[in-house]
C-alpha cells in the first residue's frame, strides 16, 4: 500500500488541481475512510480542504516550472 502524503502545519504547498500556492493551516490526525489525510490550505483566494494526494511541496513545484 502506498504511503499517503501528509504535510505539517506551516508547509508551503501547491494545490495540484488549481495550481494555487498556499500554506497548510490544519492537517487531520487520522486518515479518512479512503486513507487520505485531509489538509486545510490558506491561499490568496481563502481557505479550502484537500487530500494529501492533491498537494505537493511548493519548492518542488517552483523548481519544475523554472
C-alpha atoms as a PDB file:
ATOM      1  CA  UNK A   1       0.000   0.000   0.000  1.00  0.00           C
ATOM      2  CA  UNK A   2       1.302   3.461  -0.917  1.00  0.00           C
ATOM      3  CA  UNK A   3       2.177   5.819   1.887  1.00  0.00           C
ATOM      4  CA  UNK A   4      -0.269   8.734   1.887  1.00  0.00           C
ATOM      5  CA  UNK A   5       1.020  12.304   1.760  1.00  0.00           C
ATOM      6  CA  UNK A   6       0.813  14.305   4.949  1.00  0.00           C
ATOM      7  CA  UNK A   7       2.101  17.869   5.292  1.00  0.00           C
ATOM      8  CA  UNK A   8       2.946  19.692   8.521  1.00  0.00           C
ATOM      9  CA  UNK A   9       1.134  22.850   9.542  1.00  0.00           C
ATOM     10  CA  UNK A  10       3.055  25.790   8.082  1.00  0.00           C
ATOM     11  CA  UNK A  11       4.212  23.895   4.981  1.00  0.00           C
ATOM     12  CA  UNK A  12       4.139  25.788   1.695  1.00  0.00           C
ATOM     13  CA  UNK A  13       2.247  23.702  -0.863  1.00  0.00           C
ATOM     14  CA  UNK A  14       0.845  23.831  -4.376  1.00  0.00           C
ATOM     15  CA  UNK A  15      -2.692  22.584  -4.945  1.00  0.00           C
ATOM     16  CA  UNK A  16      -2.305  20.327  -7.991  1.00  0.00           C
ATOM     17  CA  UNK A  17      -5.865  20.724  -9.282  1.00  0.00           C
ATOM     18  CA  UNK A  18      -5.743  24.536  -9.403  1.00  0.00           C
ATOM     19  CA  UNK A  19      -2.030  25.384  -9.353  1.00  0.00           C
ATOM     20  CA  UNK A  20      -2.632  27.755  -6.427  1.00  0.00           C
ATOM     21  CA  UNK A  21       0.100  28.221  -3.832  1.00  0.00           C
ATOM     22  CA  UNK A  22      -0.788  28.206  -0.161  1.00  0.00           C
ATOM     23  CA  UNK A  23       0.128  27.266   3.378  1.00  0.00           C
ATOM     24  CA  UNK A  24      -1.203  24.300   5.358  1.00  0.00           C
ATOM     25  CA  UNK A  25      -3.063  25.600   8.410  1.00  0.00           C
ATOM     26  CA  UNK A  26      -4.566  22.281   9.569  1.00  0.00           C
ATOM     27  CA  UNK A  27      -3.888  18.585   8.974  1.00  0.00           C
ATOM     28  CA  UNK A  28      -6.200  15.856  10.212  1.00  0.00           C
ATOM     29  CA  UNK A  29      -4.607  13.460  12.725  1.00  0.00           C
ATOM     30  CA  UNK A  30      -6.168  10.353  11.213  1.00  0.00           C
ATOM     31  CA  UNK A  31      -6.766   9.392   7.589  1.00  0.00           C
ATOM     32  CA  UNK A  32     -10.278   9.441   6.130  1.00  0.00           C
ATOM     33  CA  UNK A  33     -12.202   6.304   5.206  1.00  0.00           C
ATOM     34  CA  UNK A  34     -10.334   6.217   1.879  1.00  0.00           C
ATOM     35  CA  UNK A  35      -6.971   6.504   3.642  1.00  0.00           C
ATOM     36  CA  UNK A  36      -6.229  10.121   2.729  1.00  0.00           C
ATOM     37  CA  UNK A  37      -5.023  12.753   5.178  1.00  0.00           C
ATOM     38  CA  UNK A  38      -7.049  15.936   4.656  1.00  0.00           C
ATOM     39  CA  UNK A  39      -5.469  19.367   4.922  1.00  0.00           C
ATOM     40  CA  UNK A  40      -6.899  22.867   5.207  1.00  0.00           C
ATOM     41  CA  UNK A  41      -4.870  25.198   2.999  1.00  0.00           C
ATOM     42  CA  UNK A  42      -4.934  29.015   3.053  1.00  0.00           C
ATOM     43  CA  UNK A  43      -4.358  30.674  -0.325  1.00  0.00           C
ATOM     44  CA  UNK A  44      -4.912  34.214  -1.629  1.00  0.00           C
ATOM     45  CA  UNK A  45      -8.441  33.054  -2.527  1.00  0.00           C
ATOM     46  CA  UNK A  46      -9.283  31.853   1.002  1.00  0.00           C
ATOM     47  CA  UNK A  47      -9.260  28.505   2.810  1.00  0.00           C
ATOM     48  CA  UNK A  48     -10.118  25.120   1.312  1.00  0.00           C
ATOM     49  CA  UNK A  49      -9.757  21.427   2.185  1.00  0.00           C
ATOM     50  CA  UNK A  50      -7.702  18.983   0.117  1.00  0.00           C
ATOM     51  CA  UNK A  51      -6.444  15.409   0.364  1.00  0.00           C
ATOM     52  CA  UNK A  52      -2.674  14.988   0.530  1.00  0.00           C
ATOM     53  CA  UNK A  53      -2.695  13.452  -2.944  1.00  0.00           C
ATOM     54  CA  UNK A  54      -3.802  16.833  -4.349  1.00  0.00           C
ATOM     55  CA  UNK A  55      -0.879  18.684  -2.743  1.00  0.00           C
ATOM     56  CA  UNK A  56       2.840  18.887  -3.389  1.00  0.00           C
ATOM     57  CA  UNK A  57       5.620  20.887  -1.746  1.00  0.00           C
ATOM     58  CA  UNK A  58       5.712  24.424  -3.202  1.00  0.00           C
ATOM     59  CA  UNK A  59       9.513  24.396  -3.628  1.00  0.00           C
ATOM     60  CA  UNK A  60       9.249  21.242  -5.792  1.00  0.00           C
ATOM     61  CA  UNK A  61       6.516  22.824  -7.890  1.00  0.00           C
ATOM     62  CA  UNK A  62       8.540  26.003  -8.422  1.00  0.00           C
ATOM     63  CA  UNK A  63      11.711  24.106  -9.414  1.00  0.00           C
ATOM     64  CA  UNK A  64       9.793  22.095 -12.036  1.00  0.00           C
ATOM     65  CA  UNK A  65       8.426  25.287 -13.578  1.00  0.00           C
ATOM     66  CA  UNK A  66      11.807  27.042 -13.689  1.00  0.00           C
END
